[in-house]
Amino acid sequence: LAMLLQNSTTKTNVINPCYPQDYSTSLMGSHIFDSLCTEDL
């Protein structure tokens, strides 16, 4: 998700080809980046 956000032209609405069609979800930045694994992203 961090990579998708990094490569997206918009930082609030991001296309995810792995999520099913007709599905969307909103996540806080902390959900993605408050981890040592995404620190560099």
PDB file of all heavy atoms in Angstrom:
ATOM      1  N   LEU A   1       0.832  -1.206   0.000  1.00  0.00           N
ATOM      2  CA  LEU A   1       0.000   0.000   0.000  1.00  0.00           C
ATOM      3  C   LEU A   1       0.866   1.256   0.000  1.00  0.00           C
ATOM      4  O   LEU A   1       0.531   2.256  -0.665  1.00  0.00           O
ATOM      5  CB  LEU A   1      -0.927  -0.008   1.221  1.00  0.00           C
ATOM      6  CG  LEU A   1      -1.975  -1.130   1.279  1.00  0.00           C
ATOM      7  CD1 LEU A   1      -2.754  -1.054   2.584  1.00  0.00           C
ATOM      8  CD2 LEU A   1      -2.913  -1.062   0.080  1.00  0.00           C
ATOM      9  N   ALA A   2       1.974   1.199   0.736  1.00  0.00           N
ATOM     10  CA  ALA A   2       2.887   2.346   0.773  1.00  0.00           C
ATOM     11  C   ALA A   2       3.488   2.616  -0.599  1.00  0.00           C
ATOM     12  O   ALA A   2       3.646   3.774  -1.008  1.00  0.00           O
ATOM     13  CB  ALA A   2       3.985   2.101   1.804  1.00  0.00           C
ATOM     14  N   MET A   3       3.822   1.557  -1.336  1.00  0.00           N
ATOM     15  CA  MET A   3       4.375   1.714  -2.684  1.00  0.00           C
ATOM     16  C   MET A   3       3.331   2.266  -3.645  1.00  0.00           C
ATOM     17  O   MET A   3       3.643   3.101  -4.511  1.00  0.00           O
ATOM     18  CB  MET A   3       4.907   0.373  -3.186  1.00  0.00           C
ATOM     19  CG  MET A   3       6.162  -0.102  -2.459  1.00  0.00           C
ATOM     20  SD  MET A   3       6.685  -1.776  -2.932  1.00  0.00           S
ATOM     21  CE  MET A   3       6.956  -1.559  -4.692  1.00  0.00           C
ATOM     22  N   LEU A   4       2.091   1.792  -3.516  1.00  0.00           N
ATOM     23  CA  LEU A   4       1.021   2.328  -4.358  1.00  0.00           C
ATOM     24  C   LEU A   4       0.845   3.817  -4.109  1.00  0.00           C
ATOM     25  O   LEU A   4       0.675   4.617  -5.056  1.00  0.00           O
ATOM     26  CB  LEU A   4      -0.293   1.592  -4.089  1.00  0.00           C
ATOM     27  CG  LEU A   4      -0.377   0.119  -4.503  1.00  0.00           C
ATOM     28  CD1 LEU A   4      -1.743  -0.446  -4.117  1.00  0.00           C
ATOM     29  CD2 LEU A   4      -0.134  -0.048  -5.999  1.00  0.00           C
ATOM     30  N   LEU A   5       0.883   4.191  -2.840  1.00  0.00           N
ATOM     31  CA  LEU A   5       0.750   5.607  -2.489  1.00  0.00           C
ATOM     32  C   LEU A   5       1.927   6.408  -3.017  1.00  0.00           C
ATOM     33  O   LEU A   5       1.754   7.522  -3.531  1.00  0.00           O
ATOM     34  CB  LEU A   5       0.656   5.755  -0.965  1.00  0.00           C
ATOM     35  CG  LEU A   5       0.546   7.178  -0.422  1.00  0.00           C
ATOM     36  CD1 LEU A   5      -0.728   7.854  -0.919  1.00  0.00           C
ATOM     37  CD2 LEU A   5       0.569   7.165   1.105  1.00  0.00           C
ATOM     38  N   GLN A   6       3.099   5.839  -2.914  1.00  0.00           N
ATOM     39  CA  GLN A   6       4.316   6.522  -3.379  1.00  0.00           C
ATOM     40  C   GLN A   6       4.272   6.790  -4.872  1.00  0.00           C
ATOM     41  O   GLN A   6       4.764   7.823  -5.349  1.00  0.00           O
ATOM     42  CB  GLN A   6       5.532   5.651  -3.032  1.00  0.00           C
ATOM     43  CG  GLN A   6       6.875   6.335  -3.129  1.00  0.00           C
ATOM     44  CD  GLN A   6       8.000   5.413  -2.700  1.00  0.00           C
ATOM     45  OE1 GLN A   6       8.160   4.315  -3.237  1.00  0.00           O
ATOM     46  NE2 GLN A   6       8.787   5.847  -1.719  1.00  0.00           N
ATOM     47  N   ASN A   7       3.669   5.881  -5.648  1.00  0.00           N
ATOM     48  CA  ASN A   7       3.625   6.006  -7.109  1.00  0.00           C
ATOM     49  C   ASN A   7       2.339   6.652  -7.625  1.00  0.00           C
ATOM     50  O   ASN A   7       2.148   6.771  -8.836  1.00  0.00           O
ATOM     51  CB  ASN A   7       3.782   4.630  -7.754  1.00  0.00           C
ATOM     52  CG  ASN A   7       5.122   3.989  -7.429  1.00  0.00           C
ATOM     53  OD1 ASN A   7       6.130   4.682  -7.300  1.00  0.00           O
ATOM     54  ND2 ASN A   7       5.133   2.667  -7.291  1.00  0.00           N
ATOM     55  N   SER A   8       1.477   7.063  -6.713  1.00  0.00           N
ATOM     56  CA  SER A   8       0.204   7.657  -7.111  1.00  0.00           C
ATOM     57  C   SER A   8       0.343   9.170  -7.319  1.00  0.00           C
ATOM     58  O   SER A   8       1.101   9.829  -6.607  1.00  0.00           O
ATOM     59  CB  SER A   8      -0.859   7.372  -6.052  1.00  0.00           C
ATOM     60  OG  SER A   8      -2.067   8.009  -6.364  1.00  0.00           O
ATOM     61  N   THR A   9      -0.401   9.673  -8.296  1.00  0.00           N
ATOM     62  CA  THR A   9      -0.366  11.121  -8.557  1.00  0.00           C
ATOM     63  C   THR A   9      -1.134  11.885  -7.488  1.00  0.00           C
ATOM     64  O   THR A   9      -0.829  13.043  -7.215  1.00  0.00           O
ATOM     65  CB  THR A   9      -0.963  11.425  -9.936  1.00  0.00           C
ATOM     66  OG1 THR A   9      -2.277  10.857 -10.020  1.00  0.00           O
ATOM     67  CG2 THR A   9      -0.087  10.825 -11.043  1.00  0.00           C
ATOM     68  N   THR A  10      -2.106  11.222  -6.906  1.00  0.00           N
ATOM     69  CA  THR A  10      -2.840  11.846  -5.807  1.00  0.00           C
ATOM     70  C   THR A  10      -2.529  11.090  -4.524  1.00  0.00           C
ATOM     71  O   THR A  10      -2.331   9.873  -4.550  1.00  0.00           O
ATOM     72  CB  THR A  10      -4.367  11.809  -6.047  1.00  0.00           C
ATOM     73  OG1 THR A  10      -4.811  10.453  -6.072  1.00  0.00           O
ATOM     74  CG2 THR A  10      -4.711  12.480  -7.364  1.00  0.00           C
ATOM     75  N   LYS A  11      -2.463  11.791  -3.413  1.00  0.00           N
ATOM     76  CA  LYS A  11      -2.073  11.173  -2.149  1.00  0.00           C
ATOM     77  C   LYS A  11      -3.259  10.888  -1.235  1.00  0.00           C
ATOM     78  O   LYS A  11      -3.066  10.448  -0.101  1.00  0.00           O
ATOM     79  CB  LYS A  11      -1.083  12.092  -1.422  1.00  0.00           C
ATOM     80  CG  LYS A  11       0.165  12.406  -2.228  1.00  0.00           C
ATOM     81  CD  LYS A  11       0.896  11.127  -2.690  1.00  0.00           C
ATOM     82  CE  LYS A  11       2.119  11.453  -3.534  1.00  0.00           C
ATOM     83  NZ  LYS A  11       2.790  10.242  -4.040  1.00  0.00           N
ATOM     84  N   THR A  12      -4.454  11.112  -1.743  1.00  0.00           N
ATOM     85  CA  THR A  12      -5.636  10.835  -0.922  1.00  0.00           C
ATOM     86  C   THR A  12      -6.522   9.748  -1.540  1.00  0.00           C
ATOM     87  O   THR A  12      -7.226   9.045  -0.815  1.00  0.00           O
ATOM     88  CB  THR A  12      -6.482  12.111  -0.740  1.00  0.00           C
ATOM     89  OG1 THR A  12      -6.791  12.671  -2.026  1.00  0.00           O
ATOM     90  CG2 THR A  12      -5.707  13.131   0.100  1.00  0.00           C
ATOM     91  N   ASN A  13      -6.503   9.618  -2.869  1.00  0.00           N
ATOM     92  CA  ASN A  13      -7.257   8.579  -3.555  1.00  0.00           C
ATOM     93  C   ASN A  13      -6.286   7.753  -4.403  1.00  0.00           C
ATOM     94  O   ASN A  13      -5.700   8.261  -5.359  1.00  0.00           O
ATOM     95  CB  ASN A  13      -8.354   9.169  -4.446  1.00  0.00           C
ATOM     96  CG  ASN A  13      -9.484   9.754  -3.622  1.00  0.00           C
ATOM     97  OD1 ASN A  13      -9.379  10.883  -3.131  1.00  0.00           O
ATOM     98  ND2 ASN A  13     -10.548   8.987  -3.454  1.00  0.00           N
ATOM     99  N   VAL A  14      -6.144   6.484  -4.033  1.00  0.00           N
ATOM    100  CA  VAL A  14      -5.140   5.626  -4.670  1.00  0.00           C
ATOM    101  C   VAL A  14      -5.815   4.394  -5.279  1.00  0.00           C
ATOM    102  O   VAL A  14      -6.677   3.780  -4.648  1.00  0.00           O
ATOM    103  CB  VAL A  14      -4.072   5.189  -3.653  1.00  0.00           C
ATOM    104  CG1 VAL A  14      -3.022   4.298  -4.312  1.00  0.00           C
ATOM    105  CG2 VAL A  14      -3.413   6.404  -3.004  1.00  0.00           C
ATOM    106  N   ILE A  15      -5.415   4.074  -6.516  1.00  0.00           N
ATOM    107  CA  ILE A  15      -5.943   2.883  -7.183  1.00  0.00           C
ATOM    108  C   ILE A  15      -5.174   1.658  -6.706  1.00  0.00           C
ATOM    109  O   ILE A  15      -3.948   1.642  -6.687  1.00  0.00           O
ATOM    110  CB  ILE A  15      -5.812   3.017  -8.722  1.00  0.00           C
ATOM    111  CG1 ILE A  15      -6.620   4.205  -9.224  1.00  0.00           C
ATOM    112  CG2 ILE A  15      -6.261   1.724  -9.410  1.00  0.00           C
ATOM    113  CD1 ILE A  15      -8.095   4.110  -8.934  1.00  0.00           C
ATOM    114  N   ASN A  16      -5.917   0.608  -6.312  1.00  0.00           N
ATOM    115  CA  ASN A  16      -5.312  -0.655  -5.877  1.00  0.00           C
ATOM    116  C   ASN A  16      -5.827  -1.780  -6.781  1.00  0.00           C
ATOM    117  O   ASN A  16      -6.976  -2.212  -6.649  1.00  0.00           O
ATOM    118  CB  ASN A  16      -5.666  -0.941  -4.416  1.00  0.00           C
ATOM    119  CG  ASN A  16      -4.971  -2.184  -3.878  1.00  0.00           C
ATOM    120  OD1 ASN A  16      -4.425  -2.980  -4.627  1.00  0.00           O
ATOM    121  ND2 ASN A  16      -4.992  -2.353  -2.563  1.00  0.00           N
ATOM    122  N   PRO A  17      -4.984  -2.280  -7.705  1.00  0.00           N
ATOM    123  CA  PRO A  17      -5.447  -3.321  -8.637  1.00  0.00           C
ATOM    124  C   PRO A  17      -5.705  -4.668  -7.950  1.00  0.00           C
ATOM    125  O   PRO A  17      -6.338  -5.552  -8.554  1.00  0.00           O
ATOM    126  CB  PRO A  17      -4.287  -3.438  -9.627  1.00  0.00           C
ATOM    127  CG  PRO A  17      -3.085  -2.996  -8.859  1.00  0.00           C
ATOM    128  CD  PRO A  17      -3.580  -1.923  -7.933  1.00  0.00           C
ATOM    129  N   CYS A  18      -5.255  -4.829  -6.715  1.00  0.00           N
ATOM    130  CA  CYS A  18      -5.452  -6.110  -6.005  1.00  0.00           C
ATOM    131  C   CYS A  18      -6.743  -6.129  -5.198  1.00  0.00           C
ATOM    132  O   CYS A  18      -7.232  -7.214  -4.846  1.00  0.00           O
ATOM    133  CB  CYS A  18      -4.270  -6.385  -5.090  1.00  0.00           C
ATOM    134  SG  CYS A  18      -2.701  -6.657  -5.945  1.00  0.00           S
ATOM    135  N   TYR A  19      -7.291  -4.963  -4.866  1.00  0.00           N
ATOM    136  CA  TYR A  19      -8.592  -4.934  -4.210  1.00  0.00           C
ATOM    137  C   TYR A  19      -9.672  -5.252  -5.233  1.00  0.00           C
ATOM    138  O   TYR A  19      -9.542  -4.896  -6.422  1.00  0.00           O
ATOM    139  CB  TYR A  19      -8.865  -3.561  -3.601  1.00  0.00           C
ATOM    140  CG  TYR A  19      -8.248  -3.319  -2.238  1.00  0.00           C
ATOM    141  CD1 TYR A  19      -8.198  -2.027  -1.696  1.00  0.00           C
ATOM    142  CD2 TYR A  19      -7.745  -4.359  -1.474  1.00  0.00           C
ATOM    143  CE1 TYR A  19      -7.641  -1.783  -0.450  1.00  0.00           C
ATOM    144  CE2 TYR A  19      -7.193  -4.134  -0.227  1.00  0.00           C
ATOM    145  CZ  TYR A  19      -7.138  -2.844   0.285  1.00  0.00           C
ATOM    146  OH  TYR A  19      -6.582  -2.616   1.518  1.00  0.00           O
ATOM    147  N   PRO A  20     -10.772  -5.901  -4.826  1.00  0.00           N
ATOM    148  CA  PRO A  20     -11.832  -6.249  -5.782  1.00  0.00           C
ATOM    149  C   PRO A  20     -12.475  -5.002  -6.399  1.00  0.00           C
ATOM    150  O   PRO A  20     -12.505  -3.928  -5.793  1.00  0.00           O
ATOM    151  CB  PRO A  20     -12.844  -7.004  -4.924  1.00  0.00           C
ATOM    152  CG  PRO A  20     -12.087  -7.435  -3.711  1.00  0.00           C
ATOM    153  CD  PRO A  20     -11.065  -6.383  -3.471  1.00  0.00           C
ATOM    154  N   GLN A  21     -12.970  -5.175  -7.589  1.00  0.00           N
ATOM    155  CA  GLN A  21     -13.719  -4.106  -8.244  1.00  0.00           C
ATOM    156  C   GLN A  21     -14.965  -3.789  -7.400  1.00  0.00           C
ATOM    157  O   GLN A  21     -15.549  -4.669  -6.777  1.00  0.00           O
ATOM    158  CB  GLN A  21     -14.134  -4.554  -9.648  1.00  0.00           C
ATOM    159  CG  GLN A  21     -14.757  -3.462 -10.488  1.00  0.00           C
ATOM    160  CD  GLN A  21     -15.086  -3.945 -11.890  1.00  0.00           C
ATOM    161  OE1 GLN A  21     -14.790  -5.089 -12.238  1.00  0.00           O
ATOM    162  NE2 GLN A  21     -15.692  -3.096 -12.687  1.00  0.00           N
ATOM    163  N   ASP A  22     -15.323  -2.531  -7.343  1.00  0.00           N
ATOM    164  CA  ASP A  22     -16.466  -2.033  -6.571  1.00  0.00           C
ATOM    165  C   ASP A  22     -16.193  -2.011  -5.067  1.00  0.00           C
ATOM    166  O   ASP A  22     -17.128  -1.926  -4.263  1.00  0.00           O
ATOM    167  CB  ASP A  22     -17.749  -2.861  -6.826  1.00  0.00           C
ATOM    168  CG  ASP A  22     -18.161  -2.855  -8.288  1.00  0.00           C
ATOM    169  OD1 ASP A  22     -17.876  -1.843  -8.975  1.00  0.00           O
ATOM    170  OD2 ASP A  22     -18.731  -3.857  -8.744  1.00  0.00           O
ATOM    171  N   TYR A  23     -14.934  -2.105  -4.689  1.00  0.00           N
ATOM    172  CA  TYR A  23     -14.605  -2.019  -3.265  1.00  0.00           C
ATOM    173  C   TYR A  23     -13.663  -0.849  -3.026  1.00  0.00           C
ATOM    174  O   TYR A  23     -12.740  -0.594  -3.812  1.00  0.00           O
ATOM    175  CB  TYR A  23     -13.924  -3.297  -2.764  1.00  0.00           C
ATOM    176  CG  TYR A  23     -13.462  -3.200  -1.324  1.00  0.00           C
ATOM    177  CD1 TYR A  23     -14.363  -3.371  -0.275  1.00  0.00           C
ATOM    178  CD2 TYR A  23     -12.130  -2.895  -1.013  1.00  0.00           C
ATOM    179  CE1 TYR A  23     -13.958  -3.262   1.049  1.00  0.00           C
ATOM    180  CE2 TYR A  23     -11.708  -2.781   0.302  1.00  0.00           C
ATOM    181  CZ  TYR A  23     -12.625  -2.961   1.335  1.00  0.00           C
ATOM    182  OH  TYR A  23     -12.217  -2.836   2.635  1.00  0.00           O
ATOM    183  N   SER A  24     -13.898  -0.126  -1.932  1.00  0.00           N
ATOM    184  CA  SER A  24     -12.979   0.944  -1.521  1.00  0.00           C
ATOM    185  C   SER A  24     -12.962   1.002  -0.002  1.00  0.00           C
ATOM    186  O   SER A  24     -13.939   0.622   0.663  1.00  0.00           O
ATOM    187  CB  SER A  24     -13.414   2.293  -2.100  1.00  0.00           C
ATOM    188  OG  SER A  24     -14.633   2.713  -1.524  1.00  0.00           O
ATOM    189  N   THR A  25     -11.848   1.454   0.528  1.00  0.00           N
ATOM    190  CA  THR A  25     -11.705   1.581   1.976  1.00  0.00           C
ATOM    191  C   THR A  25     -10.793   2.756   2.287  1.00  0.00           C
ATOM    192  O   THR A  25      -9.920   3.112   1.484  1.00  0.00           O
ATOM    193  CB  THR A  25     -11.124   0.292   2.591  1.00  0.00           C
ATOM    194  OG1 THR A  25     -11.149   0.404   4.008  1.00  0.00           O
ATOM    195  CG2 THR A  25      -9.694   0.041   2.134  1.00  0.00           C
ATOM    196  N   SER A  26     -11.016   3.368   3.418  1.00  0.00           N
ATOM    197  CA  SER A  26     -10.206   4.506   3.840  1.00  0.00           C
ATOM    198  C   SER A  26      -9.374   4.102   5.055  1.00  0.00           C
ATOM    199  O   SER A  26      -9.908   3.557   6.032  1.00  0.00           O
ATOM    200  CB  SER A  26     -11.097   5.704   4.191  1.00  0.00           C
ATOM    201  OG  SER A  26     -11.788   6.160   3.043  1.00  0.00           O
ATOM    202  N   LEU A  27      -8.078   4.359   4.981  1.00  0.00           N
ATOM    203  CA  LEU A  27      -7.145   3.983   6.038  1.00  0.00           C
ATOM    204  C   LEU A  27      -6.355   5.197   6.491  1.00  0.00           C
ATOM    205  O   LEU A  27      -6.025   6.077   5.689  1.00  0.00           O
ATOM    206  CB  LEU A  27      -6.165   2.907   5.532  1.00  0.00           C
ATOM    207  CG  LEU A  27      -6.784   1.614   4.982  1.00  0.00           C
ATOM    208  CD1 LEU A  27      -5.696   0.737   4.370  1.00  0.00           C
ATOM    209  CD2 LEU A  27      -7.530   0.870   6.077  1.00  0.00           C
ATOM    210  N   MET A  28      -6.065   5.237   7.776  1.00  0.00           N
ATOM    211  CA  MET A  28      -5.232   6.312   8.303  1.00  0.00           C
ATOM    212  C   MET A  28      -3.774   6.050   7.940  1.00  0.00           C
ATOM    213  O   MET A  28      -3.347   4.894   7.805  1.00  0.00           O
ATOM    214  CB  MET A  28      -5.391   6.417   9.817  1.00  0.00           C
ATOM    215  CG  MET A  28      -6.767   6.866  10.263  1.00  0.00           C
ATOM    216  SD  MET A  28      -6.894   7.005  12.075  1.00  0.00           S
ATOM    217  CE  MET A  28      -5.684   8.303  12.395  1.00  0.00           C
ATOM    218  N   GLY A  29      -3.020   7.115   7.823  1.00  0.00           N
ATOM    219  CA  GLY A  29      -1.609   6.976   7.501  1.00  0.00           C
ATOM    220  C   GLY A  29      -0.868   6.128   8.524  1.00  0.00           C
ATOM    221  O   GLY A  29       0.050   5.369   8.181  1.00  0.00           O
ATOM    222  N   SER A  30      -1.265   6.226   9.787  1.00  0.00           N
ATOM    223  CA  SER A  30      -0.602   5.465  10.841  1.00  0.00           C
ATOM    224  C   SER A  30      -0.774   3.960  10.646  1.00  0.00           C
ATOM    225  O   SER A  30       0.077   3.162  11.048  1.00  0.00           O
ATOM    226  CB  SER A  30      -1.147   5.879  12.212  1.00  0.00           C
ATOM    227  OG  SER A  30      -2.554   5.665  12.280  1.00  0.00           O
ATOM    228  N   HIS A  31      -1.890   3.539  10.029  1.00  0.00           N
ATOM    229  CA  HIS A  31      -2.129   2.117   9.783  1.00  0.00           C
ATOM    230  C   HIS A  31      -1.043   1.535   8.875  1.00  0.00           C
ATOM    231  O   HIS A  31      -0.651   0.372   9.014  1.00  0.00           O
ATOM    232  CB  HIS A  31      -3.509   1.913   9.141  1.00  0.00           C
ATOM    233  CG  HIS A  31      -3.772   0.497   8.705  1.00  0.00           C
ATOM    234  ND1 HIS A  31      -4.207  -0.474   9.579  1.00  0.00           N
ATOM    235  CD2 HIS A  31      -3.651  -0.100   7.479  1.00  0.00           C
ATOM    236  CE1 HIS A  31      -4.351  -1.616   8.921  1.00  0.00           C
ATOM    237  NE2 HIS A  31      -4.023  -1.415   7.643  1.00  0.00           N
ATOM    238  N   ILE A  32      -0.557   2.362   7.962  1.00  0.00           N
ATOM    239  CA  ILE A  32       0.433   1.900   6.988  1.00  0.00           C
ATOM    240  C   ILE A  32       1.861   2.142   7.464  1.00  0.00           C
ATOM    241  O   ILE A  32       2.724   1.274   7.358  1.00  0.00           O
ATOM    242  CB  ILE A  32       0.213   2.594   5.624  1.00  0.00           C
ATOM    243  CG1 ILE A  32      -1.202   2.309   5.105  1.00  0.00           C
ATOM    244  CG2 ILE A  32       1.264   2.166   4.609  1.00  0.00           C
ATOM    245  CD1 ILE A  32      -1.585   3.117   3.883  1.00  0.00           C
ATOM    246  N   PHE A  33       2.117   3.308   8.026  1.00  0.00           N
ATOM    247  CA  PHE A  33       3.502   3.734   8.239  1.00  0.00           C
ATOM    248  C   PHE A  33       4.010   3.628   9.680  1.00  0.00           C
ATOM    249  O   PHE A  33       5.196   3.842   9.916  1.00  0.00           O
ATOM    250  CB  PHE A  33       3.666   5.174   7.742  1.00  0.00           C
ATOM    251  CG  PHE A  33       3.470   5.307   6.265  1.00  0.00           C
ATOM    252  CD1 PHE A  33       2.304   5.873   5.753  1.00  0.00           C
ATOM    253  CD2 PHE A  33       4.434   4.864   5.384  1.00  0.00           C
ATOM    254  CE1 PHE A  33       2.115   6.002   4.382  1.00  0.00           C
ATOM    255  CE2 PHE A  33       4.258   4.982   4.008  1.00  0.00           C
ATOM    256  CZ  PHE A  33       3.090   5.551   3.503  1.00  0.00           C
ATOM    257  N   ASP A  34       3.154   3.304  10.623  1.00  0.00           N
ATOM    258  CA  ASP A  34       3.648   3.130  11.986  1.00  0.00           C
ATOM    259  C   ASP A  34       4.203   1.722  12.177  1.00  0.00           C
ATOM    260  O   ASP A  34       3.798   0.970  13.061  1.00  0.00           O
ATOM    261  CB  ASP A  34       2.526   3.408  13.000  1.00  0.00           C
ATOM    262  CG  ASP A  34       2.375   4.897  13.270  1.00  0.00           C
ATOM    263  OD1 ASP A  34       3.052   5.688  12.579  1.00  0.00           O
ATOM    264  OD2 ASP A  34       1.583   5.263  14.152  1.00  0.00           O
ATOM    265  N   SER A  35       5.143   1.372  11.328  1.00  0.00           N
ATOM    266  CA  SER A  35       5.787   0.064  11.357  1.00  0.00           C
ATOM    267  C   SER A  35       7.213   0.221  10.874  1.00  0.00           C
ATOM    268  O   SER A  35       7.502   1.034   9.985  1.00  0.00           O
ATOM    269  CB  SER A  35       5.047  -0.938  10.460  1.00  0.00           C
ATOM    270  OG  SER A  35       5.808  -2.117  10.287  1.00  0.00           O
ATOM    271  N   LEU A  36       8.089  -0.534  11.464  1.00  0.00           N
ATOM    272  CA  LEU A  36       9.489  -0.499  11.056  1.00  0.00           C
ATOM    273  C   LEU A  36       9.654  -0.953   9.612  1.00  0.00           C
ATOM    274  O   LEU A  36      10.608  -0.542   8.932  1.00  0.00           O
ATOM    275  CB  LEU A  36      10.304  -1.410  11.983  1.00  0.00           C
ATOM    276  CG  LEU A  36      11.776  -1.082  12.155  1.00  0.00           C
ATOM    277  CD1 LEU A  36      11.974   0.310  12.748  1.00  0.00           C
ATOM    278  CD2 LEU A  36      12.443  -2.145  13.029  1.00  0.00           C
ATOM    279  N   CYS A  37       8.722  -1.773   9.130  1.00  0.00           N
ATOM    280  CA  CYS A  37       8.830  -2.312   7.775  1.00  0.00           C
ATOM    281  C   CYS A  37       8.529  -1.278   6.697  1.00  0.00           C
ATOM    282  O   CYS A  37       8.909  -1.467   5.531  1.00  0.00           O
ATOM    283  CB  CYS A  37       7.892  -3.510   7.614  1.00  0.00           C
ATOM    284  SG  CYS A  37       8.286  -4.900   8.709  1.00  0.00           S
ATOM    285  N   THR A  38       7.824  -0.203   7.042  1.00  0.00           N
ATOM    286  CA  THR A  38       7.495   0.833   6.055  1.00  0.00           C
ATOM    287  C   THR A  38       8.179   2.162   6.380  1.00  0.00           C
ATOM    288  O   THR A  38       7.849   3.189   5.797  1.00  0.00           O
ATOM    289  CB  THR A  38       5.964   1.041   6.003  1.00  0.00           C
ATOM    290  OG1 THR A  38       5.476   1.313   7.322  1.00  0.00           O
ATOM    291  CG2 THR A  38       5.265  -0.186   5.451  1.00  0.00           C
ATOM    292  N   GLU A  39       9.134   2.108   7.306  1.00  0.00           N
ATOM    293  CA  GLU A  39       9.809   3.330   7.748  1.00  0.00           C
ATOM    294  C   GLU A  39      10.441   4.087   6.580  1.00  0.00           C
ATOM    295  O   GLU A  39      10.368   5.316   6.503  1.00  0.00           O
ATOM    296  CB  GLU A  39      10.889   2.961   8.780  1.00  0.00           C
ATOM    297  CG  GLU A  39      11.567   4.150   9.439  1.00  0.00           C
ATOM    298  CD  GLU A  39      10.696   4.842  10.476  1.00  0.00           C
ATOM    299  OE1 GLU A  39       9.816   4.173  11.048  1.00  0.00           O
ATOM    300  OE2 GLU A  39      10.903   6.052  10.690  1.00  0.00           O
ATOM    301  N   ASP A  40      11.063   3.343   5.660  1.00  0.00           N
ATOM    302  CA  ASP A  40      11.777   3.986   4.549  1.00  0.00           C
ATOM    303  C   ASP A  40      10.848   4.425   3.417  1.00  0.00           C
ATOM    304  O   ASP A  40      11.300   5.001   2.424  1.00  0.00           O
ATOM    305  CB  ASP A  40      12.839   3.041   3.988  1.00  0.00           C
ATOM    306  CG  ASP A  40      12.247   1.730   3.493  1.00  0.00           C
ATOM    307  OD1 ASP A  40      11.153   1.355   3.974  1.00  0.00           O
ATOM    308  OD2 ASP A  40      12.869   1.073   2.632  1.00  0.00           O
ATOM    309  N   LEU A  41       9.542   4.157   3.547  1.00  0.00           N
ATOM    310  CA  LEU A  41       8.593   4.522   2.491  1.00  0.00           C
ATOM    311  C   LEU A  41       7.671   5.672   2.891  1.00  0.00           C
ATOM    312  O   LEU A  41       6.761   6.022   2.143  1.00  0.00           O
ATOM    313  CB  LEU A  41       7.737   3.294   2.121  1.00  0.00           C
ATOM    314  CG  LEU A  41       8.493   2.099   1.504  1.00  0.00           C
ATOM    315  CD1 LEU A  41       7.555   0.913   1.337  1.00  0.00           C
ATOM    316  CD2 LEU A  41       9.114   2.478   0.170  1.00  0.00           C
TER     317      LEU A  41
END
